[in-house]
Amino acid sequence: MIGIVDYGRGNLRSVEKALARLEFPVKIMTVATELNDVDGIILPGVGAFADAMAALTEQGWVEPLRQYAASGHPFLGICLGMQVLFERGEEHGEHQGLGLLQGRVVRFSEGRKVPHMGWNTVYQEKPSFLLDGIPDESFFYFVHSYYAVPESPEVVVGSCDYGIRFPALVGRDNVWGAQFHPEKSSPWGLKLLENFGKWVNENARVSSH
């Protein structure tokens, strides 16, 4: 079972529909105790870093999400949900993130049209199970004005060029994030979600033995 975190800041219905199309069982979670019912989670997000963290904090998600990540269960953040995986964001002042990955989230510099919106190429920096079956330099759909600056380049699995090269897919161990919207990036976005779903199922089988 894949859980989608509903904290009022994500386009979770399109993610839910994409997973249903792939025939993965999905649970929309509105309270943190429901984390106990799922084998992997997706944290979507649309809007501002500070607003997302405020909502997660007010609704009691922050510590349970950190504990869920520490447990080794599959964890995927999408767009703003990827950005809040990092330690801090610089939108409307500096704000603390979940701190599951080291680094910060900054705004595209002047001279570039923001938000960065539409289809763009993702360059595969290193192999990842999430990219299995997806050709290098495939196109994915982006909508964002800020991008992650990880402390270590080791977490960058895929990158994109928008005047500067920024991380498009990041991850370490069981915590992963996509700056693009896989649920809007058919067919390769669906393939990435399929790879994530297969990983969740495999992890659940291993955990049950």
N, C-alpha and C. Protein backbone atom coordinates (compact mmCIF):
# COMPACT_ATOMS: atom_id res chain seq x y z
N MET A 1 0.85 -1.20 0.00
CA MET A 1 0.00 0.00 0.00
C MET A 1 0.88 1.25 0.00
N ILE A 2 0.58 2.18 -0.91
CA ILE A 2 1.30 3.45 -0.98
C ILE A 2 0.42 4.53 -0.36
N GLY A 3 0.97 5.26 0.59
CA GLY A 3 0.25 6.36 1.21
C GLY A 3 0.64 7.69 0.60
N ILE A 4 -0.35 8.55 0.37
CA ILE A 4 -0.10 9.92 -0.10
C ILE A 4 -0.46 10.87 1.02
N VAL A 5 0.50 11.70 1.41
CA VAL A 5 0.31 12.61 2.54
C VAL A 5 -0.55 13.80 2.11
N ASP A 6 -1.70 13.95 2.74
CA ASP A 6 -2.60 15.06 2.47
C ASP A 6 -2.47 16.08 3.59
N TYR A 7 -1.74 17.16 3.31
CA TYR A 7 -1.59 18.23 4.29
C TYR A 7 -2.09 19.56 3.71
N GLY A 8 -2.89 19.46 2.64
CA GLY A 8 -3.52 20.64 2.06
C GLY A 8 -2.64 21.44 1.14
N ARG A 9 -1.48 20.89 0.74
CA ARG A 9 -0.55 21.65 -0.10
C ARG A 9 -0.09 20.86 -1.33
N GLY A 10 -0.88 19.90 -1.75
CA GLY A 10 -0.42 19.08 -2.87
C GLY A 10 -1.52 18.73 -3.84
N ASN A 11 -1.12 18.44 -5.08
CA ASN A 11 -2.07 17.98 -6.10
C ASN A 11 -2.18 16.46 -5.99
N LEU A 12 -2.64 16.01 -4.82
CA LEU A 12 -2.59 14.58 -4.53
C LEU A 12 -3.54 13.77 -5.40
N ARG A 13 -4.60 14.36 -5.92
CA ARG A 13 -5.54 13.58 -6.73
C ARG A 13 -4.90 13.10 -8.02
N SER A 14 -4.09 13.93 -8.66
CA SER A 14 -3.44 13.50 -9.90
C SER A 14 -2.42 12.40 -9.62
N VAL A 15 -1.76 12.47 -8.46
CA VAL A 15 -0.83 11.41 -8.07
C VAL A 15 -1.61 10.12 -7.80
N GLU A 16 -2.72 10.26 -7.09
CA GLU A 16 -3.56 9.10 -6.79
C GLU A 16 -4.05 8.43 -8.08
N LYS A 17 -4.50 9.23 -9.04
CA LYS A 17 -5.00 8.69 -10.30
C LYS A 17 -3.91 7.97 -11.08
N ALA A 18 -2.70 8.54 -11.07
CA ALA A 18 -1.59 7.91 -11.78
C ALA A 18 -1.26 6.55 -11.18
N LEU A 19 -1.22 6.47 -9.84
CA LEU A 19 -0.93 5.20 -9.18
C LEU A 19 -2.05 4.19 -9.39
N ALA A 20 -3.30 4.67 -9.39
CA ALA A 20 -4.43 3.78 -9.63
C ALA A 20 -4.38 3.22 -11.05
N ARG A 21 -3.96 4.07 -11.99
CA ARG A 21 -3.82 3.62 -13.38
C ARG A 21 -2.78 2.51 -13.48
N LEU A 22 -1.77 2.60 -12.63
CA LEU A 22 -0.73 1.57 -12.58
C LEU A 22 -1.12 0.38 -11.72
N GLU A 23 -2.32 0.45 -11.15
CA GLU A 23 -2.91 -0.63 -10.35
C GLU A 23 -2.18 -0.89 -9.03
N PHE A 24 -1.66 0.19 -8.44
CA PHE A 24 -1.10 0.10 -7.10
C PHE A 24 -2.16 0.55 -6.09
N PRO A 25 -2.35 -0.19 -5.00
CA PRO A 25 -3.28 0.27 -3.97
C PRO A 25 -2.77 1.55 -3.31
N VAL A 26 -3.67 2.50 -3.12
CA VAL A 26 -3.30 3.83 -2.64
C VAL A 26 -4.19 4.22 -1.46
N LYS A 27 -3.60 4.92 -0.51
CA LYS A 27 -4.36 5.44 0.63
C LYS A 27 -4.02 6.93 0.79
N ILE A 28 -5.05 7.78 0.74
CA ILE A 28 -4.86 9.19 1.05
C ILE A 28 -4.85 9.34 2.57
N MET A 29 -3.74 9.84 3.10
CA MET A 29 -3.58 9.93 4.56
C MET A 29 -3.80 11.37 5.03
N THR A 30 -4.72 11.54 5.97
CA THR A 30 -5.02 12.88 6.49
C THR A 30 -4.49 13.09 7.90
N VAL A 31 -4.08 12.00 8.57
CA VAL A 31 -3.47 12.11 9.90
C VAL A 31 -2.24 11.21 9.95
N ALA A 32 -1.26 11.63 10.76
CA ALA A 32 0.03 10.95 10.78
C ALA A 32 -0.03 9.51 11.27
N THR A 33 -1.03 9.18 12.07
CA THR A 33 -1.12 7.80 12.56
C THR A 33 -1.34 6.80 11.42
N GLU A 34 -1.82 7.28 10.28
CA GLU A 34 -2.05 6.40 9.13
C GLU A 34 -0.75 5.95 8.47
N LEU A 35 0.36 6.55 8.86
CA LEU A 35 1.66 6.08 8.36
C LEU A 35 1.90 4.62 8.74
N ASN A 36 1.27 4.18 9.82
CA ASN A 36 1.42 2.79 10.26
C ASN A 36 0.75 1.80 9.31
N ASP A 37 -0.13 2.31 8.43
CA ASP A 37 -0.92 1.43 7.57
C ASP A 37 -0.32 1.22 6.19
N VAL A 38 0.78 1.92 5.87
CA VAL A 38 1.29 1.90 4.50
C VAL A 38 2.74 1.42 4.44
N ASP A 39 3.12 0.94 3.25
CA ASP A 39 4.46 0.36 3.05
C ASP A 39 5.45 1.34 2.43
N GLY A 40 4.93 2.45 1.93
CA GLY A 40 5.76 3.49 1.33
C GLY A 40 4.90 4.73 1.18
N ILE A 41 5.54 5.90 1.10
CA ILE A 41 4.74 7.13 1.03
C ILE A 41 5.24 8.07 -0.06
N ILE A 42 4.30 8.90 -0.52
CA ILE A 42 4.60 10.00 -1.43
C ILE A 42 4.17 11.29 -0.75
N LEU A 43 5.09 12.27 -0.74
CA LEU A 43 4.80 13.60 -0.18
C LEU A 43 4.73 14.58 -1.35
N PRO A 44 3.52 14.93 -1.79
CA PRO A 44 3.40 15.89 -2.88
C PRO A 44 3.53 17.31 -2.35
N GLY A 45 3.46 18.29 -3.23
CA GLY A 45 3.53 19.66 -2.75
C GLY A 45 3.45 20.68 -3.86
N VAL A 46 2.65 21.72 -3.64
CA VAL A 46 2.54 22.84 -4.56
C VAL A 46 2.48 24.11 -3.71
N GLY A 47 3.26 25.12 -4.09
CA GLY A 47 3.22 26.38 -3.36
C GLY A 47 4.56 26.73 -2.74
N ALA A 48 4.51 27.37 -1.57
CA ALA A 48 5.70 27.92 -0.93
C ALA A 48 6.24 26.99 0.15
N PHE A 49 7.56 26.95 0.26
CA PHE A 49 8.28 26.13 1.24
C PHE A 49 7.77 26.42 2.65
N ALA A 50 7.72 27.71 3.01
CA ALA A 50 7.32 28.08 4.37
C ALA A 50 5.90 27.63 4.67
N ASP A 51 4.99 27.80 3.71
CA ASP A 51 3.59 27.40 3.92
C ASP A 51 3.48 25.89 4.09
N ALA A 52 4.25 25.15 3.29
CA ALA A 52 4.21 23.70 3.39
C ALA A 52 4.70 23.23 4.74
N MET A 53 5.81 23.78 5.22
CA MET A 53 6.35 23.37 6.51
C MET A 53 5.42 23.79 7.65
N ALA A 54 4.78 24.95 7.50
CA ALA A 54 3.84 25.39 8.53
C ALA A 54 2.66 24.42 8.61
N ALA A 55 2.16 24.00 7.44
CA ALA A 55 1.03 23.06 7.41
C ALA A 55 1.43 21.71 7.99
N LEU A 56 2.60 21.21 7.61
CA LEU A 56 3.08 19.93 8.13
C LEU A 56 3.25 19.99 9.64
N THR A 57 3.75 21.12 10.13
CA THR A 57 3.96 21.29 11.57
C THR A 57 2.64 21.36 12.31
N GLU A 58 1.72 22.20 11.82
CA GLU A 58 0.43 22.39 12.49
C GLU A 58 -0.39 21.10 12.52
N GLN A 59 -0.24 20.29 11.50
CA GLN A 59 -1.04 19.06 11.42
C GLN A 59 -0.32 17.85 12.00
N GLY A 60 0.84 18.07 12.61
CA GLY A 60 1.52 17.01 13.34
C GLY A 60 2.23 15.98 12.48
N TRP A 61 2.69 16.40 11.30
CA TRP A 61 3.34 15.46 10.39
C TRP A 61 4.86 15.41 10.53
N VAL A 62 5.48 16.46 11.01
CA VAL A 62 6.94 16.60 10.88
C VAL A 62 7.71 15.46 11.53
N GLU A 63 7.52 15.25 12.81
CA GLU A 63 8.27 14.19 13.49
C GLU A 63 7.89 12.79 12.99
N PRO A 64 6.59 12.51 12.79
CA PRO A 64 6.25 11.20 12.23
C PRO A 64 6.87 10.94 10.86
N LEU A 65 6.96 11.96 10.01
CA LEU A 65 7.61 11.78 8.71
C LEU A 65 9.10 11.50 8.87
N ARG A 66 9.73 12.19 9.79
CA ARG A 66 11.15 11.94 10.05
C ARG A 66 11.36 10.52 10.57
N GLN A 67 10.48 10.09 11.45
CA GLN A 67 10.58 8.73 12.00
C GLN A 67 10.31 7.69 10.91
N TYR A 68 9.36 7.99 10.03
CA TYR A 68 9.04 7.06 8.95
C TYR A 68 10.25 6.89 8.03
N ALA A 69 10.90 8.01 7.71
CA ALA A 69 12.11 7.94 6.88
C ALA A 69 13.21 7.16 7.59
N ALA A 70 13.36 7.38 8.89
CA ALA A 70 14.40 6.69 9.66
C ALA A 70 14.14 5.20 9.74
N SER A 71 12.89 4.79 9.58
CA SER A 71 12.54 3.36 9.65
C SER A 71 12.99 2.59 8.42
N GLY A 72 13.36 3.30 7.37
CA GLY A 72 13.82 2.64 6.15
C GLY A 72 12.75 2.40 5.11
N HIS A 73 11.53 2.84 5.36
CA HIS A 73 10.46 2.66 4.39
C HIS A 73 10.65 3.58 3.19
N PRO A 74 10.19 3.17 2.00
CA PRO A 74 10.30 4.01 0.81
C PRO A 74 9.56 5.34 0.98
N PHE A 75 10.24 6.41 0.56
CA PHE A 75 9.75 7.77 0.76
C PHE A 75 10.09 8.57 -0.50
N LEU A 76 9.07 9.13 -1.15
CA LEU A 76 9.27 9.92 -2.37
C LEU A 76 8.59 11.27 -2.23
N GLY A 77 9.36 12.35 -2.37
CA GLY A 77 8.80 13.69 -2.40
C GLY A 77 8.69 14.18 -3.84
N ILE A 78 7.62 14.91 -4.15
CA ILE A 78 7.39 15.42 -5.49
C ILE A 78 7.29 16.94 -5.46
N CYS A 79 8.08 17.61 -6.30
CA CYS A 79 8.09 19.07 -6.48
C CYS A 79 8.39 19.75 -5.13
N LEU A 80 7.45 20.49 -4.57
CA LEU A 80 7.67 21.10 -3.25
C LEU A 80 7.90 20.02 -2.20
N GLY A 81 7.27 18.87 -2.39
CA GLY A 81 7.50 17.74 -1.49
C GLY A 81 8.93 17.24 -1.52
N MET A 82 9.61 17.43 -2.64
CA MET A 82 11.04 17.13 -2.71
C MET A 82 11.85 18.21 -1.99
N GLN A 83 11.46 19.47 -2.20
CA GLN A 83 12.24 20.57 -1.62
C GLN A 83 12.25 20.54 -0.10
N VAL A 84 11.12 20.19 0.52
CA VAL A 84 11.07 20.19 1.98
C VAL A 84 11.83 19.01 2.59
N LEU A 85 12.32 18.08 1.75
CA LEU A 85 13.19 17.03 2.27
C LEU A 85 14.51 17.61 2.77
N PHE A 86 14.88 18.79 2.26
CA PHE A 86 16.17 19.38 2.60
C PHE A 86 16.10 20.16 3.92
N GLU A 87 17.26 20.62 4.37
CA GLU A 87 17.36 21.22 5.71
C GLU A 87 16.68 22.57 5.82
N ARG A 88 16.76 23.38 4.76
CA ARG A 88 16.19 24.72 4.86
C ARG A 88 15.83 25.26 3.47
N GLY A 89 14.86 26.16 3.46
CA GLY A 89 14.44 26.84 2.25
C GLY A 89 14.54 28.33 2.43
N GLU A 90 14.83 29.05 1.35
CA GLU A 90 15.08 30.49 1.43
C GLU A 90 13.97 31.31 0.80
N GLU A 91 12.75 30.75 0.76
CA GLU A 91 11.60 31.46 0.21
C GLU A 91 10.95 32.29 1.31
N HIS A 92 10.89 33.63 1.11
CA HIS A 92 10.32 34.55 2.12
C HIS A 92 11.05 34.40 3.45
N GLY A 93 12.39 34.45 3.41
CA GLY A 93 13.18 34.24 4.62
C GLY A 93 13.60 32.80 4.73
N GLU A 94 14.46 32.50 5.69
CA GLU A 94 14.95 31.14 5.85
C GLU A 94 14.03 30.32 6.74
N HIS A 95 13.71 29.11 6.29
CA HIS A 95 12.79 28.25 7.03
C HIS A 95 13.35 26.84 7.09
N GLN A 96 13.10 26.17 8.19
CA GLN A 96 13.60 24.82 8.39
C GLN A 96 12.74 23.82 7.63
N GLY A 97 13.41 22.85 6.97
CA GLY A 97 12.72 21.77 6.30
C GLY A 97 12.74 20.50 7.14
N LEU A 98 12.44 19.38 6.52
CA LEU A 98 12.44 18.11 7.25
C LEU A 98 13.86 17.64 7.58
N GLY A 99 14.84 18.08 6.81
CA GLY A 99 16.22 17.73 7.12
C GLY A 99 16.58 16.28 6.83
N LEU A 100 15.87 15.65 5.91
CA LEU A 100 16.18 14.26 5.55
C LEU A 100 17.34 14.19 4.56
N LEU A 101 17.57 15.27 3.83
CA LEU A 101 18.73 15.41 2.95
C LEU A 101 19.42 16.72 3.30
N GLN A 102 20.72 16.75 3.19
CA GLN A 102 21.48 17.95 3.56
C GLN A 102 21.53 18.93 2.39
N GLY A 103 21.24 20.19 2.69
CA GLY A 103 21.29 21.22 1.66
C GLY A 103 20.18 22.23 1.85
N ARG A 104 20.07 23.14 0.88
CA ARG A 104 19.09 24.22 0.98
C ARG A 104 18.36 24.38 -0.35
N VAL A 105 17.29 25.15 -0.32
CA VAL A 105 16.48 25.40 -1.51
C VAL A 105 16.49 26.90 -1.78
N VAL A 106 16.89 27.30 -3.00
CA VAL A 106 17.08 28.71 -3.34
C VAL A 106 16.30 29.07 -4.60
N ARG A 107 16.12 30.36 -4.83
CA ARG A 107 15.37 30.85 -5.98
C ARG A 107 16.26 30.95 -7.21
N PHE A 108 15.68 30.70 -8.37
CA PHE A 108 16.41 30.95 -9.62
C PHE A 108 16.82 32.42 -9.65
N SER A 109 18.03 32.70 -10.13
CA SER A 109 18.54 34.06 -10.15
C SER A 109 17.82 34.89 -11.21
N GLU A 110 17.99 36.21 -11.11
CA GLU A 110 17.37 37.13 -12.06
C GLU A 110 17.84 36.81 -13.49
N GLY A 111 16.97 37.11 -14.44
CA GLY A 111 17.33 36.86 -15.83
C GLY A 111 16.69 35.62 -16.40
N ARG A 112 16.10 34.81 -15.53
CA ARG A 112 15.38 33.63 -15.98
C ARG A 112 13.89 33.81 -15.69
N LYS A 113 13.07 33.38 -16.63
CA LYS A 113 11.63 33.45 -16.41
C LYS A 113 11.24 32.46 -15.33
N VAL A 114 10.54 32.95 -14.33
CA VAL A 114 10.06 32.05 -13.27
C VAL A 114 8.55 32.19 -13.17
N PRO A 115 7.84 31.11 -12.90
CA PRO A 115 8.43 29.79 -12.64
C PRO A 115 8.99 29.12 -13.89
N HIS A 116 9.93 28.21 -13.66
CA HIS A 116 10.37 27.29 -14.71
C HIS A 116 9.20 26.35 -14.93
N MET A 117 8.54 26.47 -16.07
CA MET A 117 7.30 25.71 -16.28
C MET A 117 7.28 25.09 -17.66
N GLY A 118 6.95 23.80 -17.70
CA GLY A 118 6.83 23.09 -18.95
C GLY A 118 7.75 21.88 -19.01
N TRP A 119 7.89 21.34 -20.22
CA TRP A 119 8.67 20.12 -20.41
C TRP A 119 10.14 20.44 -20.56
N ASN A 120 10.98 19.66 -19.91
CA ASN A 120 12.43 19.85 -20.03
C ASN A 120 13.13 18.51 -19.89
N THR A 121 14.36 18.49 -20.36
CA THR A 121 15.17 17.27 -20.38
C THR A 121 15.75 16.97 -19.00
N VAL A 122 15.72 15.71 -18.62
CA VAL A 122 16.40 15.26 -17.40
C VAL A 122 17.59 14.40 -17.81
N TYR A 123 18.75 14.82 -17.36
CA TYR A 123 20.00 14.11 -17.65
C TYR A 123 20.30 13.16 -16.49
N GLN A 124 20.49 11.92 -16.79
CA GLN A 124 20.74 10.92 -15.75
C GLN A 124 22.21 10.98 -15.33
N GLU A 125 22.44 11.33 -14.07
CA GLU A 125 23.79 11.50 -13.54
C GLU A 125 24.39 10.18 -13.04
N LYS A 126 23.53 9.28 -12.61
CA LYS A 126 23.99 7.98 -12.12
C LYS A 126 22.82 7.01 -12.17
N PRO A 127 23.11 5.71 -12.14
CA PRO A 127 22.02 4.73 -12.20
C PRO A 127 21.15 4.81 -10.94
N SER A 128 19.87 4.52 -11.12
CA SER A 128 18.94 4.43 -10.01
C SER A 128 17.79 3.52 -10.41
N PHE A 129 17.30 2.76 -9.46
CA PHE A 129 16.14 1.90 -9.73
C PHE A 129 14.94 2.72 -10.19
N LEU A 130 14.84 3.98 -9.77
CA LEU A 130 13.71 4.82 -10.18
C LEU A 130 13.76 5.12 -11.68
N LEU A 131 14.96 5.02 -12.26
CA LEU A 131 15.13 5.34 -13.68
C LEU A 131 15.19 4.10 -14.56
N ASP A 132 14.96 2.93 -13.98
CA ASP A 132 14.98 1.70 -14.76
C ASP A 132 13.98 1.79 -15.92
N GLY A 133 14.46 1.52 -17.13
CA GLY A 133 13.59 1.53 -18.29
C GLY A 133 13.29 2.90 -18.86
N ILE A 134 13.90 3.94 -18.29
CA ILE A 134 13.69 5.31 -18.76
C ILE A 134 14.94 5.78 -19.50
N PRO A 135 14.84 6.14 -20.78
CA PRO A 135 16.03 6.58 -21.52
C PRO A 135 16.61 7.87 -20.94
N ASP A 136 17.93 7.99 -21.05
CA ASP A 136 18.58 9.25 -20.67
C ASP A 136 18.04 10.38 -21.55
N GLU A 137 17.99 11.56 -20.97
CA GLU A 137 17.52 12.77 -21.65
C GLU A 137 16.04 12.69 -22.03
N SER A 138 15.27 11.96 -21.25
CA SER A 138 13.82 11.97 -21.42
C SER A 138 13.24 13.28 -20.89
N PHE A 139 12.04 13.61 -21.35
CA PHE A 139 11.40 14.86 -20.95
C PHE A 139 10.43 14.63 -19.80
N PHE A 140 10.43 15.59 -18.87
CA PHE A 140 9.50 15.56 -17.74
C PHE A 140 8.93 16.97 -17.56
N TYR A 141 7.82 17.04 -16.83
CA TYR A 141 7.09 18.30 -16.69
C TYR A 141 7.43 18.99 -15.36
N PHE A 142 7.84 20.26 -15.45
CA PHE A 142 8.28 21.05 -14.29
C PHE A 142 7.37 22.26 -14.08
N VAL A 143 7.18 22.63 -12.81
CA VAL A 143 6.59 23.92 -12.42
C VAL A 143 7.21 24.32 -11.10
N HIS A 144 8.19 25.23 -11.13
CA HIS A 144 8.83 25.65 -9.87
C HIS A 144 9.66 26.92 -10.08
N SER A 145 9.83 27.67 -9.00
CA SER A 145 10.64 28.89 -9.01
C SER A 145 11.90 28.74 -8.16
N TYR A 146 11.97 27.67 -7.39
CA TYR A 146 13.10 27.41 -6.51
C TYR A 146 13.68 26.04 -6.84
N TYR A 147 14.95 25.84 -6.48
CA TYR A 147 15.60 24.56 -6.75
C TYR A 147 16.52 24.19 -5.59
N ALA A 148 16.81 22.92 -5.48
CA ALA A 148 17.63 22.42 -4.37
C ALA A 148 19.12 22.57 -4.68
N VAL A 149 19.87 22.88 -3.63
CA VAL A 149 21.34 22.91 -3.68
C VAL A 149 21.84 21.94 -2.61
N PRO A 150 22.02 20.68 -2.95
CA PRO A 150 22.46 19.70 -1.95
C PRO A 150 23.89 19.97 -1.50
N GLU A 151 24.18 19.62 -0.24
CA GLU A 151 25.57 19.75 0.23
C GLU A 151 26.49 18.78 -0.50
N SER A 152 25.98 17.60 -0.81
CA SER A 152 26.79 16.60 -1.49
C SER A 152 26.23 16.30 -2.87
N PRO A 153 27.08 16.33 -3.92
CA PRO A 153 26.59 15.97 -5.25
C PRO A 153 26.21 14.50 -5.35
N GLU A 154 26.59 13.71 -4.34
CA GLU A 154 26.30 12.27 -4.37
C GLU A 154 24.81 11.97 -4.38
N VAL A 155 23.99 12.89 -3.89
CA VAL A 155 22.55 12.62 -3.84
C VAL A 155 21.85 12.96 -5.15
N VAL A 156 22.56 13.59 -6.09
CA VAL A 156 21.94 14.00 -7.35
C VAL A 156 21.96 12.84 -8.34
N VAL A 157 20.78 12.36 -8.69
CA VAL A 157 20.64 11.23 -9.61
C VAL A 157 20.31 11.71 -11.02
N GLY A 158 19.53 12.80 -11.10
CA GLY A 158 19.19 13.38 -12.38
C GLY A 158 19.25 14.90 -12.29
N SER A 159 19.60 15.55 -13.41
CA SER A 159 19.68 17.01 -13.40
C SER A 159 18.98 17.58 -14.62
N CYS A 160 18.74 18.88 -14.56
CA CYS A 160 18.05 19.60 -15.62
C CYS A 160 18.75 20.93 -15.84
N ASP A 161 18.69 21.45 -17.06
CA ASP A 161 19.36 22.71 -17.39
C ASP A 161 18.32 23.80 -17.62
N TYR A 162 18.39 24.85 -16.80
CA TYR A 162 17.54 26.02 -17.01
C TYR A 162 18.40 27.27 -16.82
N GLY A 163 19.40 27.39 -17.71
CA GLY A 163 20.40 28.44 -17.55
C GLY A 163 21.49 28.01 -16.59
N ILE A 164 21.13 27.27 -15.57
CA ILE A 164 22.06 26.59 -14.68
C ILE A 164 21.62 25.12 -14.61
N ARG A 165 22.54 24.26 -14.23
CA ARG A 165 22.19 22.85 -14.04
C ARG A 165 21.73 22.67 -12.60
N PHE A 166 20.51 22.18 -12.41
CA PHE A 166 19.98 21.99 -11.05
C PHE A 166 19.51 20.55 -10.89
N PRO A 167 19.40 20.06 -9.64
CA PRO A 167 18.97 18.69 -9.40
C PRO A 167 17.49 18.49 -9.76
N ALA A 168 17.22 17.47 -10.56
CA ALA A 168 15.85 17.14 -10.93
C ALA A 168 15.36 15.88 -10.21
N LEU A 169 16.31 15.02 -9.84
CA LEU A 169 15.98 13.80 -9.11
C LEU A 169 17.09 13.56 -8.10
N VAL A 170 16.71 13.44 -6.84
CA VAL A 170 17.70 13.27 -5.77
C VAL A 170 17.32 12.07 -4.91
N GLY A 171 18.30 11.53 -4.21
CA GLY A 171 17.97 10.44 -3.31
C GLY A 171 19.17 9.83 -2.63
N ARG A 172 18.87 9.20 -1.51
CA ARG A 172 19.87 8.47 -0.75
C ARG A 172 19.12 7.44 0.10
N ASP A 173 19.60 6.22 0.07
CA ASP A 173 18.97 5.15 0.86
C ASP A 173 17.49 5.02 0.48
N ASN A 174 16.60 5.31 1.41
CA ASN A 174 15.17 5.14 1.14
C ASN A 174 14.44 6.45 0.90
N VAL A 175 15.15 7.57 0.88
CA VAL A 175 14.52 8.89 0.73
C VAL A 175 14.87 9.48 -0.63
N TRP A 176 13.83 9.74 -1.43
CA TRP A 176 14.02 10.21 -2.81
C TRP A 176 13.11 11.38 -3.09
N GLY A 177 13.50 12.18 -4.08
CA GLY A 177 12.66 13.31 -4.44
C GLY A 177 12.81 13.66 -5.91
N ALA A 178 11.70 14.04 -6.53
CA ALA A 178 11.68 14.49 -7.93
C ALA A 178 11.21 15.94 -7.98
N GLN A 179 12.01 16.82 -8.60
CA GLN A 179 11.58 18.21 -8.75
C GLN A 179 10.45 18.33 -9.77
N PHE A 180 10.46 17.46 -10.77
CA PHE A 180 9.40 17.46 -11.77
C PHE A 180 8.17 16.73 -11.23
N HIS A 181 7.10 16.76 -12.02
CA HIS A 181 5.86 16.09 -11.64
C HIS A 181 5.74 14.79 -12.45
N PRO A 182 6.10 13.64 -11.88
CA PRO A 182 5.98 12.40 -12.65
C PRO A 182 4.54 12.09 -13.03
N GLU A 183 3.60 12.49 -12.19
CA GLU A 183 2.19 12.20 -12.47
C GLU A 183 1.66 12.99 -13.67
N LYS A 184 2.42 14.00 -14.12
CA LYS A 184 2.04 14.79 -15.30
C LYS A 184 3.02 14.59 -16.45
N SER A 185 3.90 13.62 -16.31
CA SER A 185 5.00 13.43 -17.27
C SER A 185 4.90 12.10 -18.01
N SER A 186 3.70 11.75 -18.45
CA SER A 186 3.51 10.51 -19.19
C SER A 186 4.33 10.55 -20.48
N PRO A 187 4.95 9.41 -20.89
CA PRO A 187 4.90 8.08 -20.26
C PRO A 187 6.01 7.84 -19.24
N TRP A 188 7.09 8.65 -19.30
CA TRP A 188 8.25 8.33 -18.47
C TRP A 188 7.99 8.64 -17.01
N GLY A 189 7.12 9.60 -16.74
CA GLY A 189 6.75 9.85 -15.35
C GLY A 189 6.00 8.68 -14.76
N LEU A 190 5.12 8.09 -15.55
CA LEU A 190 4.40 6.91 -15.09
C LEU A 190 5.36 5.75 -14.85
N LYS A 191 6.37 5.65 -15.69
CA LYS A 191 7.37 4.58 -15.51
C LYS A 191 8.11 4.78 -14.20
N LEU A 192 8.45 6.02 -13.88
CA LEU A 192 9.14 6.29 -12.60
C LEU A 192 8.23 5.91 -11.43
N LEU A 193 6.94 6.26 -11.50
CA LEU A 193 6.02 5.90 -10.43
C LEU A 193 5.84 4.39 -10.35
N GLU A 194 5.86 3.73 -11.50
CA GLU A 194 5.78 2.27 -11.50
C GLU A 194 7.00 1.66 -10.81
N ASN A 195 8.18 2.22 -11.10
CA ASN A 195 9.40 1.75 -10.44
C ASN A 195 9.33 1.96 -8.94
N PHE A 196 8.79 3.10 -8.52
CA PHE A 196 8.64 3.37 -7.09
C PHE A 196 7.66 2.37 -6.47
N GLY A 197 6.53 2.14 -7.14
CA GLY A 197 5.54 1.21 -6.63
C GLY A 197 6.07 -0.21 -6.50
N LYS A 198 6.86 -0.65 -7.47
CA LYS A 198 7.47 -1.98 -7.40
C LYS A 198 8.43 -2.07 -6.22
N TRP A 199 9.17 -0.99 -5.97
CA TRP A 199 10.10 -0.95 -4.83
C TRP A 199 9.33 -1.05 -3.51
N VAL A 200 8.22 -0.33 -3.43
CA VAL A 200 7.38 -0.38 -2.22
C VAL A 200 6.91 -1.81 -1.99
N ASN A 201 6.42 -2.46 -3.05
CA ASN A 201 5.94 -3.83 -2.90
C ASN A 201 7.05 -4.79 -2.51
N GLU A 202 8.22 -4.63 -3.10
CA GLU A 202 9.34 -5.50 -2.77
C GLU A 202 9.79 -5.28 -1.33
N ASN A 203 9.83 -4.03 -0.91
CA ASN A 203 10.22 -3.70 0.47
C ASN A 203 9.22 -4.29 1.46
N ALA A 204 7.93 -4.25 1.09
CA ALA A 204 6.90 -4.80 1.97
C ALA A 204 7.05 -6.31 2.11
N ARG A 205 7.39 -6.99 1.01
CA ARG A 205 7.58 -8.44 1.07
C ARG A 205 8.76 -8.81 1.94
N VAL A 206 9.86 -8.07 1.79
CA VAL A 206 11.05 -8.33 2.60
C VAL A 206 10.77 -8.10 4.07
N SER A 207 10.03 -7.02 4.37
CA SER A 207 9.74 -6.65 5.76
C SER A 207 8.83 -7.68 6.43
N SER A 208 8.01 -8.36 5.64
CA SER A 208 7.05 -9.30 6.22
C SER A 208 7.68 -10.65 6.53
N HIS A 209 8.93 -10.86 6.08
CA HIS A 209 9.59 -12.15 6.33
C HIS A 209 10.59 -12.03 7.49
